[in-house]
Amino acid sequence: MTPEQEQWLMRAIQELQASQRELQASQKELQAAQRELRLVQQNQQVLIQELREGQAMLAQFFREALDRFDERTRAIERRTEALERRTDEMAQEMREMRQEIRDLRRDFLERR
């Protein structure tokens, strides 16, 4: 082999070795990026799970709040109905009392 061929072969080997080192470095970067991607995906899954749990908690809170609101509304409606009945009873008693007063007044006037 001629000295030129040896130099050319040596440069080719050096370039090949440099390319292999670059390839290895690129592979390491790729592996690091893949690990980072897996971590991001895991974090994303955790965040999605936490979001779902938060939504479920919020939905439960609103269901309970609506149940309490419905309960209070029904209680108010019951009290309102009771007050309306009592008002009606009092109005009836007032009519009866007025009738009794009219009857007493008429009886008194008739006896005079």
PDB file of N, CA and C in Angstrom:
ATOM      1  N   MET A   1       0.850  -1.167   0.000  1.00  0.00           N
ATOM      2  CA  MET A   1       0.000   0.000   0.000  1.00  0.00           C
ATOM      3  C   MET A   1       0.899   1.235   0.000  1.00  0.00           C
ATOM      4  N   THR A   2       0.490   2.185  -0.743  1.00  0.00           N
ATOM      5  CA  THR A   2       1.290   3.395  -0.869  1.00  0.00           C
ATOM      6  C   THR A   2       1.020   4.279   0.335  1.00  0.00           C
ATOM      7  N   PRO A   3       1.983   5.168   0.612  1.00  0.00           N
ATOM      8  CA  PRO A   3       1.776   6.069   1.742  1.00  0.00           C
ATOM      9  C   PRO A   3       0.504   6.911   1.578  1.00  0.00           C
ATOM     10  N   GLU A   4       0.181   7.268   0.383  1.00  0.00           N
ATOM     11  CA  GLU A   4      -1.050   8.057   0.161  1.00  0.00           C
ATOM     12  C   GLU A   4      -2.279   7.228   0.490  1.00  0.00           C
ATOM     13  N   GLN A   5      -2.223   5.971   0.091  1.00  0.00           N
ATOM     14  CA  GLN A   5      -3.364   5.091   0.378  1.00  0.00           C
ATOM     15  C   GLN A   5      -3.490   4.865   1.887  1.00  0.00           C
ATOM     16  N   GLU A   6      -2.341   4.742   2.552  1.00  0.00           N
ATOM     17  CA  GLU A   6      -2.361   4.553   4.010  1.00  0.00           C
ATOM     18  C   GLU A   6      -2.960   5.790   4.684  1.00  0.00           C
ATOM     19  N   GLN A   7      -2.528   6.977   4.232  1.00  0.00           N
ATOM     20  CA  GLN A   7      -3.072   8.213   4.810  1.00  0.00           C
ATOM     21  C   GLN A   7      -4.583   8.316   4.537  1.00  0.00           C
ATOM     22  N   TRP A   8      -4.955   7.984   3.322  1.00  0.00           N
ATOM     23  CA  TRP A   8      -6.368   8.033   2.970  1.00  0.00           C
ATOM     24  C   TRP A   8      -7.152   7.049   3.834  1.00  0.00           C
ATOM     25  N   LEU A   9      -6.617   5.834   4.020  1.00  0.00           N
ATOM     26  CA  LEU A   9      -7.258   4.814   4.845  1.00  0.00           C
ATOM     27  C   LEU A   9      -7.331   5.271   6.292  1.00  0.00           C
ATOM     28  N   MET A  10      -6.256   5.902   6.783  1.00  0.00           N
ATOM     29  CA  MET A  10      -6.241   6.402   8.164  1.00  0.00           C
ATOM     30  C   MET A  10      -7.291   7.494   8.338  1.00  0.00           C
ATOM     31  N   ARG A  11      -7.393   8.409   7.364  1.00  0.00           N
ATOM     32  CA  ARG A  11      -8.403   9.467   7.446  1.00  0.00           C
ATOM     33  C   ARG A  11      -9.800   8.877   7.381  1.00  0.00           C
ATOM     34  N   ALA A  12      -9.962   7.885   6.541  1.00  0.00           N
ATOM     35  CA  ALA A  12     -11.277   7.247   6.407  1.00  0.00           C
ATOM     36  C   ALA A  12     -11.654   6.568   7.719  1.00  0.00           C
ATOM     37  N   ILE A  13     -10.669   5.900   8.355  1.00  0.00           N
ATOM     38  CA  ILE A  13     -10.926   5.239   9.655  1.00  0.00           C
ATOM     39  C   ILE A  13     -11.247   6.283  10.702  1.00  0.00           C
ATOM     40  N   GLN A  14     -10.481   7.380  10.730  1.00  0.00           N
ATOM     41  CA  GLN A  14     -10.729   8.452  11.699  1.00  0.00           C
ATOM     42  C   GLN A  14     -12.122   9.063  11.478  1.00  0.00           C
ATOM     43  N   GLU A  15     -12.483   9.290  10.222  1.00  0.00           N
ATOM     44  CA  GLU A  15     -13.806   9.842   9.920  1.00  0.00           C
ATOM     45  C   GLU A  15     -14.899   8.874  10.331  1.00  0.00           C
ATOM     46  N   LEU A  16     -14.639   7.580  10.082  1.00  0.00           N
ATOM     47  CA  LEU A  16     -15.611   6.554  10.473  1.00  0.00           C
ATOM     48  C   LEU A  16     -15.761   6.522  11.990  1.00  0.00           C
ATOM     49  N   GLN A  17     -14.629   6.606  12.702  1.00  0.00           N
ATOM     50  CA  GLN A  17     -14.673   6.614  14.163  1.00  0.00           C
ATOM     51  C   GLN A  17     -15.402   7.856  14.670  1.00  0.00           C
ATOM     52  N   ALA A  18     -15.126   8.996  14.041  1.00  0.00           N
ATOM     53  CA  ALA A  18     -15.803  10.241  14.432  1.00  0.00           C
ATOM     54  C   ALA A  18     -17.298  10.116  14.169  1.00  0.00           C
ATOM     55  N   SER A  19     -17.659   9.506  13.038  1.00  0.00           N
ATOM     56  CA  SER A  19     -19.075   9.302  12.723  1.00  0.00           C
ATOM     57  C   SER A  19     -19.723   8.366  13.734  1.00  0.00           C
ATOM     58  N   GLN A  20     -18.975   7.329  14.136  1.00  0.00           N
ATOM     59  CA  GLN A  20     -19.509   6.400  15.137  1.00  0.00           C
ATOM     60  C   GLN A  20     -19.729   7.119  16.474  1.00  0.00           C
ATOM     61  N   ARG A  21     -18.768   7.985  16.851  1.00  0.00           N
ATOM     62  CA  ARG A  21     -18.924   8.745  18.098  1.00  0.00           C
ATOM     63  C   ARG A  21     -20.142   9.668  18.013  1.00  0.00           C
ATOM     64  N   GLU A  22     -20.307  10.316  16.864  1.00  0.00           N
ATOM     65  CA  GLU A  22     -21.474  11.183  16.664  1.00  0.00           C
ATOM     66  C   GLU A  22     -22.765  10.370  16.737  1.00  0.00           C
ATOM     67  N   LEU A  23     -22.701   9.177  16.116  1.00  0.00           N
ATOM     68  CA  LEU A  23     -23.867   8.293  16.143  1.00  0.00           C
ATOM     69  C   LEU A  23     -24.181   7.877  17.579  1.00  0.00           C
ATOM     70  N   GLN A  24     -23.159   7.509  18.342  1.00  0.00           N
ATOM     71  CA  GLN A  24     -23.360   7.122  19.735  1.00  0.00           C
ATOM     72  C   GLN A  24     -23.908   8.291  20.548  1.00  0.00           C
ATOM     73  N   ALA A  25     -23.370   9.476  20.308  1.00  0.00           N
ATOM     74  CA  ALA A  25     -23.855  10.660  21.023  1.00  0.00           C
ATOM     75  C   ALA A  25     -25.314  10.933  20.646  1.00  0.00           C
ATOM     76  N   SER A  26     -25.631  10.767  19.363  1.00  0.00           N
ATOM     77  CA  SER A  26     -27.009  10.977  18.909  1.00  0.00           C
ATOM     78  C   SER A  26     -27.942   9.930  19.526  1.00  0.00           C
ATOM     79  N   GLN A  27     -27.443   8.698  19.618  1.00  0.00           N
ATOM     80  CA  GLN A  27     -28.246   7.644  20.236  1.00  0.00           C
ATOM     81  C   GLN A  27     -28.507   7.951  21.713  1.00  0.00           C
ATOM     82  N   LYS A  28     -27.477   8.441  22.395  1.00  0.00           N
ATOM     83  CA  LYS A  28     -27.643   8.808  23.809  1.00  0.00           C
ATOM     84  C   LYS A  28     -28.650   9.948  23.953  1.00  0.00           C
ATOM     85  N   GLU A  29     -28.570  10.929  23.060  1.00  0.00           N
ATOM     86  CA  GLU A  29     -29.524  12.040  23.084  1.00  0.00           C
ATOM     87  C   GLU A  29     -30.944  11.527  22.826  1.00  0.00           C
ATOM     88  N   LEU A  30     -31.039  10.593  21.870  1.00  0.00           N
ATOM     89  CA  LEU A  30     -32.343  10.015  21.555  1.00  0.00           C
ATOM     90  C   LEU A  30     -32.899   9.263  22.762  1.00  0.00           C
ATOM     91  N   GLN A  31     -32.051   8.485  23.417  1.00  0.00           N
ATOM     92  CA  GLN A  31     -32.487   7.751  24.603  1.00  0.00           C
ATOM     93  C   GLN A  31     -32.916   8.712  25.715  1.00  0.00           C
ATOM     94  N   ALA A  32     -32.158   9.784  25.886  1.00  0.00           N
ATOM     95  CA  ALA A  32     -32.516  10.778  26.899  1.00  0.00           C
ATOM     96  C   ALA A  32     -33.850  11.430  26.547  1.00  0.00           C
ATOM     97  N   ALA A  33     -34.028  11.736  25.259  1.00  0.00           N
ATOM     98  CA  ALA A  33     -35.296  12.333  24.826  1.00  0.00           C
ATOM     99  C   ALA A  33     -36.449  11.354  25.023  1.00  0.00           C
ATOM    100  N   GLN A  34     -36.205  10.060  24.766  1.00  0.00           N
ATOM    101  CA  GLN A  34     -37.246   9.052  24.974  1.00  0.00           C
ATOM    102  C   GLN A  34     -37.607   8.933  26.453  1.00  0.00           C
ATOM    103  N   ARG A  35     -36.584   8.971  27.328  1.00  0.00           N
ATOM    104  CA  ARG A  35     -36.855   8.932  28.780  1.00  0.00           C
ATOM    105  C   ARG A  35     -37.671  10.149  29.199  1.00  0.00           C
ATOM    106  N   GLU A  36     -37.267  11.298  28.681  1.00  0.00           N
ATOM    107  CA  GLU A  36     -37.996  12.523  29.010  1.00  0.00           C
ATOM    108  C   GLU A  36     -39.434  12.453  28.500  1.00  0.00           C
ATOM    109  N   LEU A  37     -39.605  11.905  27.311  1.00  0.00           N
ATOM    110  CA  LEU A  37     -40.953  11.740  26.755  1.00  0.00           C
ATOM    111  C   LEU A  37     -41.781  10.810  27.630  1.00  0.00           C
ATOM    112  N   ARG A  38     -41.177   9.717  28.091  1.00  0.00           N
ATOM    113  CA  ARG A  38     -41.905   8.801  28.986  1.00  0.00           C
ATOM    114  C   ARG A  38     -42.306   9.505  30.279  1.00  0.00           C
ATOM    115  N   LEU A  39     -41.388  10.324  30.818  1.00  0.00           N
ATOM    116  CA  LEU A  39     -41.713  11.079  32.034  1.00  0.00           C
ATOM    117  C   LEU A  39     -42.851  12.067  31.776  1.00  0.00           C
ATOM    118  N   VAL A  40     -42.789  12.737  30.650  1.00  0.00           N
ATOM    119  CA  VAL A  40     -43.855  13.692  30.307  1.00  0.00           C
ATOM    120  C   VAL A  40     -45.186  12.947  30.165  1.00  0.00           C
ATOM    121  N   GLN A  41     -45.160  11.774  29.510  1.00  0.00           N
ATOM    122  CA  GLN A  41     -46.385  10.992  29.345  1.00  0.00           C
ATOM    123  C   GLN A  41     -46.918  10.520  30.693  1.00  0.00           C
ATOM    124  N   GLN A  42     -46.008  10.097  31.580  1.00  0.00           N
ATOM    125  CA  GLN A  42     -46.438   9.678  32.918  1.00  0.00           C
ATOM    126  C   GLN A  42     -47.045  10.856  33.674  1.00  0.00           C
ATOM    127  N   ASN A  43     -46.374  12.002  33.591  1.00  0.00           N
ATOM    128  CA  ASN A  43     -46.910  13.199  34.252  1.00  0.00           C
ATOM    129  C   ASN A  43     -48.264  13.571  33.673  1.00  0.00           C
ATOM    130  N   GLN A  44     -48.377  13.425  32.362  1.00  0.00           N
ATOM    131  CA  GLN A  44     -49.651  13.726  31.700  1.00  0.00           C
ATOM    132  C   GLN A  44     -50.741  12.785  32.212  1.00  0.00           C
ATOM    133  N   GLN A  45     -50.421  11.513  32.362  1.00  0.00           N
ATOM    134  CA  GLN A  45     -51.400  10.549  32.874  1.00  0.00           C
ATOM    135  C   GLN A  45     -51.794  10.890  34.314  1.00  0.00           C
ATOM    136  N   VAL A  46     -50.811  11.279  35.121  1.00  0.00           N
ATOM    137  CA  VAL A  46     -51.096  11.674  36.505  1.00  0.00           C
ATOM    138  C   VAL A  46     -52.007  12.894  36.515  1.00  0.00           C
ATOM    139  N   LEU A  47     -51.693  13.877  35.676  1.00  0.00           N
ATOM    140  CA  LEU A  47     -52.510  15.087  35.617  1.00  0.00           C
ATOM    141  C   LEU A  47     -53.930  14.774  35.140  1.00  0.00           C
ATOM    142  N   ILE A  48     -54.044  13.898  34.147  1.00  0.00           N
ATOM    143  CA  ILE A  48     -55.374  13.511  33.667  1.00  0.00           C
ATOM    144  C   ILE A  48     -56.147  12.830  34.786  1.00  0.00           C
ATOM    145  N   GLN A  49     -55.497  11.935  35.520  1.00  0.00           N
ATOM    146  CA  GLN A  49     -56.162  11.246  36.636  1.00  0.00           C
ATOM    147  C   GLN A  49     -56.577  12.246  37.710  1.00  0.00           C
ATOM    148  N   GLU A  50     -55.685  13.176  38.034  1.00  0.00           N
ATOM    149  CA  GLU A  50     -56.020  14.189  39.043  1.00  0.00           C
ATOM    150  C   GLU A  50     -57.167  15.067  38.568  1.00  0.00           C
ATOM    151  N   LEU A  51     -57.163  15.391  37.288  1.00  0.00           N
ATOM    152  CA  LEU A  51     -58.249  16.193  36.722  1.00  0.00           C
ATOM    153  C   LEU A  51     -59.573  15.444  36.817  1.00  0.00           C
ATOM    154  N   ARG A  52     -59.551  14.169  36.488  1.00  0.00           N
ATOM    155  CA  ARG A  52     -60.773  13.358  36.588  1.00  0.00           C
ATOM    156  C   ARG A  52     -61.265  13.276  38.032  1.00  0.00           C
ATOM    157  N   GLU A  53     -60.322  13.089  38.947  1.00  0.00           N
ATOM    158  CA  GLU A  53     -60.706  13.036  40.361  1.00  0.00           C
ATOM    159  C   GLU A  53     -61.286  14.372  40.805  1.00  0.00           C
ATOM    160  N   GLY A  54     -60.655  15.456  40.350  1.00  0.00           N
ATOM    161  CA  GLY A  54     -61.161  16.789  40.687  1.00  0.00           C
ATOM    162  C   GLY A  54     -62.552  17.013  40.124  1.00  0.00           C
ATOM    163  N   GLN A  55     -62.763  16.567  38.890  1.00  0.00           N
ATOM    164  CA  GLN A  55     -64.094  16.705  38.280  1.00  0.00           C
ATOM    165  C   GLN A  55     -65.120  15.890  39.063  1.00  0.00           C
ATOM    166  N   ALA A  56     -64.732  14.693  39.469  1.00  0.00           N
ATOM    167  CA  ALA A  56     -65.651  13.853  40.234  1.00  0.00           C
ATOM    168  C   ALA A  56     -65.979  14.501  41.580  1.00  0.00           C
ATOM    169  N   MET A  57     -64.962  15.055  42.225  1.00  0.00           N
ATOM    170  CA  MET A  57     -65.190  15.724  43.512  1.00  0.00           C
ATOM    171  C   MET A  57     -66.103  16.937  43.326  1.00  0.00           C
ATOM    172  N   LEU A  58     -65.853  17.687  42.268  1.00  0.00           N
ATOM    173  CA  LEU A  58     -66.669  18.867  41.994  1.00  0.00           C
ATOM    174  C   LEU A  58     -68.109  18.463  41.686  1.00  0.00           C
ATOM    175  N   ALA A  59     -68.269  17.413  40.901  1.00  0.00           N
ATOM    176  CA  ALA A  59     -69.612  16.924  40.585  1.00  0.00           C
ATOM    177  C   ALA A  59     -70.323  16.474  41.858  1.00  0.00           C
ATOM    178  N   GLN A  60     -69.604  15.767  42.732  1.00  0.00           N
ATOM    179  CA  GLN A  60     -70.194  15.323  43.995  1.00  0.00           C
ATOM    180  C   GLN A  60     -70.586  16.527  44.852  1.00  0.00           C
ATOM    181  N   PHE A  61     -69.718  17.532  44.908  1.00  0.00           N
ATOM    182  CA  PHE A  61     -70.011  18.740  45.671  1.00  0.00           C
ATOM    183  C   PHE A  61     -71.291  19.393  45.163  1.00  0.00           C
ATOM    184  N   PHE A  62     -71.405  19.531  43.823  1.00  0.00           N
ATOM    185  CA  PHE A  62     -72.592  20.171  43.263  1.00  0.00           C
ATOM    186  C   PHE A  62     -73.838  19.323  43.477  1.00  0.00           C
ATOM    187  N   ARG A  63     -73.697  17.987  43.374  1.00  0.00           N
ATOM    188  CA  ARG A  63     -74.857  17.129  43.651  1.00  0.00           C
ATOM    189  C   ARG A  63     -75.329  17.316  45.086  1.00  0.00           C
ATOM    190  N   GLU A  64     -74.380  17.320  46.009  1.00  0.00           N
ATOM    191  CA  GLU A  64     -74.741  17.507  47.419  1.00  0.00           C
ATOM    192  C   GLU A  64     -75.337  18.890  47.651  1.00  0.00           C
ATOM    193  N   ALA A  65     -74.753  19.898  47.021  1.00  0.00           N
ATOM    194  CA  ALA A  65     -75.279  21.259  47.184  1.00  0.00           C
ATOM    195  C   ALA A  65     -76.690  21.349  46.621  1.00  0.00           C
ATOM    196  N   LEU A  66     -76.922  20.737  45.464  1.00  0.00           N
ATOM    197  CA  LEU A  66     -78.271  20.744  44.881  1.00  0.00           C
ATOM    198  C   LEU A  66     -79.245  19.957  45.744  1.00  0.00           C
ATOM    199  N   ASP A  67     -78.779  18.847  46.312  1.00  0.00           N
ATOM    200  CA  ASP A  67     -79.641  18.078  47.216  1.00  0.00           C
ATOM    201  C   ASP A  67     -80.029  18.914  48.430  1.00  0.00           C
ATOM    202  N   ARG A  68     -79.040  19.616  49.019  1.00  0.00           N
ATOM    203  CA  ARG A  68     -79.336  20.475  50.178  1.00  0.00           C
ATOM    204  C   ARG A  68     -80.288  21.593  49.777  1.00  0.00           C
ATOM    205  N   PHE A  69     -80.058  22.173  48.595  1.00  0.00           N
ATOM    206  CA  PHE A  69     -80.937  23.234  48.107  1.00  0.00           C
ATOM    207  C   PHE A  69     -82.361  22.701  47.927  1.00  0.00           C
ATOM    208  N   ASP A  70     -82.481  21.525  47.306  1.00  0.00           N
ATOM    209  CA  ASP A  70     -83.806  20.920  47.123  1.00  0.00           C
ATOM    210  C   ASP A  70     -84.468  20.638  48.466  1.00  0.00           C
ATOM    211  N   GLU A  71     -83.680  20.137  49.398  1.00  0.00           N
ATOM    212  CA  GLU A  71     -84.190  19.839  50.734  1.00  0.00           C
ATOM    213  C   GLU A  71     -84.708  21.112  51.407  1.00  0.00           C
ATOM    214  N   ARG A  72     -83.913  22.159  51.344  1.00  0.00           N
ATOM    215  CA  ARG A  72     -84.324  23.437  51.947  1.00  0.00           C
ATOM    216  C   ARG A  72     -85.547  24.004  51.239  1.00  0.00           C
ATOM    217  N   THR A  73     -85.565  23.889  49.914  1.00  0.00           N
ATOM    218  CA  THR A  73     -86.714  24.386  49.150  1.00  0.00           C
ATOM    219  C   THR A  73     -87.976  23.640  49.557  1.00  0.00           C
ATOM    220  N   ARG A  74     -87.876  22.313  49.678  1.00  0.00           N
ATOM    221  CA  ARG A  74     -89.050  21.532  50.097  1.00  0.00           C
ATOM    222  C   ARG A  74     -89.488  21.911  51.514  1.00  0.00           C
ATOM    223  N   ALA A  75     -88.518  22.152  52.398  1.00  0.00           N
ATOM    224  CA  ALA A  75     -88.851  22.562  53.763  1.00  0.00           C
ATOM    225  C   ALA A  75     -89.562  23.916  53.747  1.00  0.00           C
ATOM    226  N   ILE A  76     -89.068  24.838  52.936  1.00  0.00           N
ATOM    227  CA  ILE A  76     -89.714  26.156  52.831  1.00  0.00           C
ATOM    228  C   ILE A  76     -91.121  25.996  52.269  1.00  0.00           C
ATOM    229  N   GLU A  77     -91.257  25.138  51.250  1.00  0.00           N
ATOM    230  CA  GLU A  77     -92.587  24.904  50.676  1.00  0.00           C
ATOM    231  C   GLU A  77     -93.536  24.317  51.713  1.00  0.00           C
ATOM    232  N   ARG A  78     -93.037  23.373  52.526  1.00  0.00           N
ATOM    233  CA  ARG A  78     -93.891  22.786  53.575  1.00  0.00           C
ATOM    234  C   ARG A  78     -94.308  23.841  54.592  1.00  0.00           C
ATOM    235  N   ARG A  79     -93.332  24.679  55.010  1.00  0.00           N
ATOM    236  CA  ARG A  79     -93.666  25.744  55.965  1.00  0.00           C
ATOM    237  C   ARG A  79     -94.640  26.738  55.363  1.00  0.00           C
ATOM    238  N   THR A  80     -94.432  27.058  54.090  1.00  0.00           N
ATOM    239  CA  THR A  80     -95.340  27.989  53.413  1.00  0.00           C
ATOM    240  C   THR A  80     -96.745  27.413  53.355  1.00  0.00           C
ATOM    241  N   GLU A  81     -96.854  26.139  53.009  1.00  0.00           N
ATOM    242  CA  GLU A  81     -98.167  25.485  52.966  1.00  0.00           C
ATOM    243  C   GLU A  81     -98.809  25.473  54.353  1.00  0.00           C
ATOM    244  N   ALA A  82     -98.000  25.192  55.381  1.00  0.00           N
ATOM    245  CA  ALA A  82     -98.528  25.192  56.739  1.00  0.00           C
ATOM    246  C   ALA A  82     -99.005  26.589  57.128  1.00  0.00           C
ATOM    247  N   LEU A  83     -98.222  27.614  56.772  1.00  0.00           N
ATOM    248  CA  LEU A  83     -98.629  28.982  57.072  1.00  0.00           C
ATOM    249  C   LEU A  83     -99.891  29.360  56.308  1.00  0.00           C
ATOM    250  N   GLU A  84     -99.986  28.910  55.055  1.00  0.00           N
ATOM    251  CA  GLU A  84    -101.195  29.195  54.279  1.00  0.00           C
ATOM    252  C   GLU A  84    -102.406  28.523  54.917  1.00  0.00           C
ATOM    253  N   ARG A  85    -102.227  27.271  55.358  1.00  0.00           N
ATOM    254  CA  ARG A  85    -103.341  26.588  56.043  1.00  0.00           C
ATOM    255  C   ARG A  85    -103.723  27.318  57.318  1.00  0.00           C
ATOM    256  N   ARG A  86    -102.704  27.716  58.091  1.00  0.00           N
ATOM    257  CA  ARG A  86    -102.974  28.424  59.350  1.00  0.00           C
ATOM    258  C   ARG A  86    -103.651  29.765  59.057  1.00  0.00           C
ATOM    259  N   THR A  87    -103.197  30.460  58.010  1.00  0.00           N
ATOM    260  CA  THR A  87    -103.823  31.728  57.630  1.00  0.00           C
ATOM    261  C   THR A  87    -105.270  31.502  57.235  1.00  0.00           C
ATOM    262  N   ASP A  88    -105.512  30.441  56.458  1.00  0.00           N
ATOM    263  CA  ASP A  88    -106.885  30.111  56.069  1.00  0.00           C
ATOM    264  C   ASP A  88    -107.735  29.801  57.300  1.00  0.00           C
ATOM    265  N   GLU A  89    -107.143  29.039  58.246  1.00  0.00           N
ATOM    266  CA  GLU A  89    -107.874  28.711  59.479  1.00  0.00           C
ATOM    267  C   GLU A  89    -108.188  29.979  60.261  1.00  0.00           C
ATOM    268  N   MET A  90    -107.206  30.879  60.355  1.00  0.00           N
ATOM    269  CA  MET A  90    -107.423  32.118  61.095  1.00  0.00           C
ATOM    270  C   MET A  90    -108.480  32.984  60.392  1.00  0.00           C
ATOM    271  N   ALA A  91    -108.437  33.000  59.076  1.00  0.00           N
ATOM    272  CA  ALA A  91    -109.445  33.762  58.331  1.00  0.00           C
ATOM    273  C   ALA A  91    -110.832  33.172  58.589  1.00  0.00           C
ATOM    274  N   GLN A  92    -110.915  31.841  58.603  1.00  0.00           N
ATOM    275  CA  GLN A  92    -112.203  31.187  58.896  1.00  0.00           C
ATOM    276  C   GLN A  92    -112.658  31.524  60.317  1.00  0.00           C
ATOM    277  N   GLU A  93    -111.724  31.478  61.282  1.00  0.00           N
ATOM    278  CA  GLU A  93    -112.064  31.829  62.657  1.00  0.00           C
ATOM    279  C   GLU A  93    -112.548  33.275  62.738  1.00  0.00           C
ATOM    280  N   MET A  94    -111.893  34.176  61.997  1.00  0.00           N
ATOM    281  CA  MET A  94    -112.298  35.578  61.994  1.00  0.00           C
ATOM    282  C   MET A  94    -113.718  35.716  61.419  1.00  0.00           C
ATOM    283  N   ARG A  95    -114.010  34.997  60.351  1.00  0.00           N
ATOM    284  CA  ARG A  95    -115.361  35.047  59.777  1.00  0.00           C
ATOM    285  C   ARG A  95    -116.385  34.538  60.788  1.00  0.00           C
ATOM    286  N   GLU A  96    -116.019  33.437  61.456  1.00  0.00           N
ATOM    287  CA  GLU A  96    -116.936  32.888  62.455  1.00  0.00           C
ATOM    288  C   GLU A  96    -117.135  33.865  63.602  1.00  0.00           C
ATOM    289  N   MET A  97    -116.016  34.509  64.036  1.00  0.00           N
ATOM    290  CA  MET A  97    -116.132  35.478  65.129  1.00  0.00           C
ATOM    291  C   MET A  97    -116.990  36.676  64.708  1.00  0.00           C
ATOM    292  N   ARG A  98    -116.830  37.149  63.490  1.00  0.00           N
ATOM    293  CA  ARG A  98    -117.646  38.254  62.995  1.00  0.00           C
ATOM    294  C   ARG A  98    -119.114  37.856  62.939  1.00  0.00           C
ATOM    295  N   GLN A  99    -119.327  36.611  62.498  1.00  0.00           N
ATOM    296  CA  GLN A  99    -120.708  36.128  62.455  1.00  0.00           C
ATOM    297  C   GLN A  99    -121.294  36.071  63.865  1.00  0.00           C
ATOM    298  N   GLU A 100    -120.496  35.584  64.824  1.00  0.00           N
ATOM    299  CA  GLU A 100    -120.958  35.520  66.217  1.00  0.00           C
ATOM    300  C   GLU A 100    -121.245  36.916  66.746  1.00  0.00           C
ATOM    301  N   ILE A 101    -120.365  37.879  66.412  1.00  0.00           N
ATOM    302  CA  ILE A 101    -120.589  39.267  66.857  1.00  0.00           C
ATOM    303  C   ILE A 101    -121.871  39.803  66.236  1.00  0.00           C
ATOM    304  N   ARG A 102    -122.084  39.542  64.961  1.00  0.00           N
ATOM    305  CA  ARG A 102    -123.323  39.994  64.309  1.00  0.00           C
ATOM    306  C   ARG A 102    -124.536  39.346  64.962  1.00  0.00           C
ATOM    307  N   ASP A 103    -124.399  38.031  65.246  1.00  0.00           N
ATOM    308  CA  ASP A 103    -125.512  37.326  65.890  1.00  0.00           C
ATOM    309  C   ASP A 103    -125.778  37.896  67.280  1.00  0.00           C
ATOM    310  N   LEU A 104    -124.710  38.133  68.056  1.00  0.00           N
ATOM    311  CA  LEU A 104    -124.870  38.701  69.400  1.00  0.00           C
ATOM    312  C   LEU A 104    -125.482  40.098  69.326  1.00  0.00           C
ATOM    313  N   ARG A 105    -125.042  40.913  68.404  1.00  0.00           N
ATOM    314  CA  ARG A 105    -125.551  42.252  68.238  1.00  0.00           C
ATOM    315  C   ARG A 105    -127.041  42.190  67.866  1.00  0.00           C
ATOM    316  N   ARG A 106    -127.381  41.290  66.935  1.00  0.00           N
ATOM    317  CA  ARG A 106    -128.773  41.145  66.521  1.00  0.00           C
ATOM    318  C   ARG A 106    -129.637  40.681  67.710  1.00  0.00           C
ATOM    319  N   ASP A 107    -129.121  39.661  68.453  1.00  0.00           N
ATOM    320  CA  ASP A 107    -129.853  39.184  69.625  1.00  0.00           C
ATOM    321  C   ASP A 107    -130.044  40.298  70.645  1.00  0.00           C
ATOM    322  N   PHE A 108    -128.968  41.081  70.856  1.00  0.00           N
ATOM    323  CA  PHE A 108    -129.059  42.176  71.810  1.00  0.00           C
ATOM    324  C   PHE A 108    -130.086  43.208  71.384  1.00  0.00           C
ATOM    325  N   LEU A 109    -130.058  43.543  70.092  1.00  0.00           N
ATOM    326  CA  LEU A 109    -131.002  44.534  69.582  1.00  0.00           C
ATOM    327  C   LEU A 109    -132.439  44.003  69.618  1.00  0.00           C
ATOM    328  N   GLU A 110    -132.621  42.726  69.395  1.00  0.00           N
ATOM    329  CA  GLU A 110    -133.962  42.145  69.415  1.00  0.00           C
ATOM    330  C   GLU A 110    -134.506  42.118  70.837  1.00  0.00           C
ATOM    331  N   ARG A 111    -133.672  41.956  71.833  1.00  0.00           N
ATOM    332  CA  ARG A 111    -134.126  41.904  73.224  1.00  0.00           C
ATOM    333  C   ARG A 111    -134.446  43.260  73.763  1.00  0.00           C
ATOM    334  N   ARG A 112    -133.943  44.256  73.247  1.00  0.00           N
ATOM    335  CA  ARG A 112    -134.198  45.589  73.741  1.00  0.00           C
ATOM    336  C   ARG A 112    -135.544  46.013  73.510  1.00  0.00           C
TER     337      ARG A 112
END
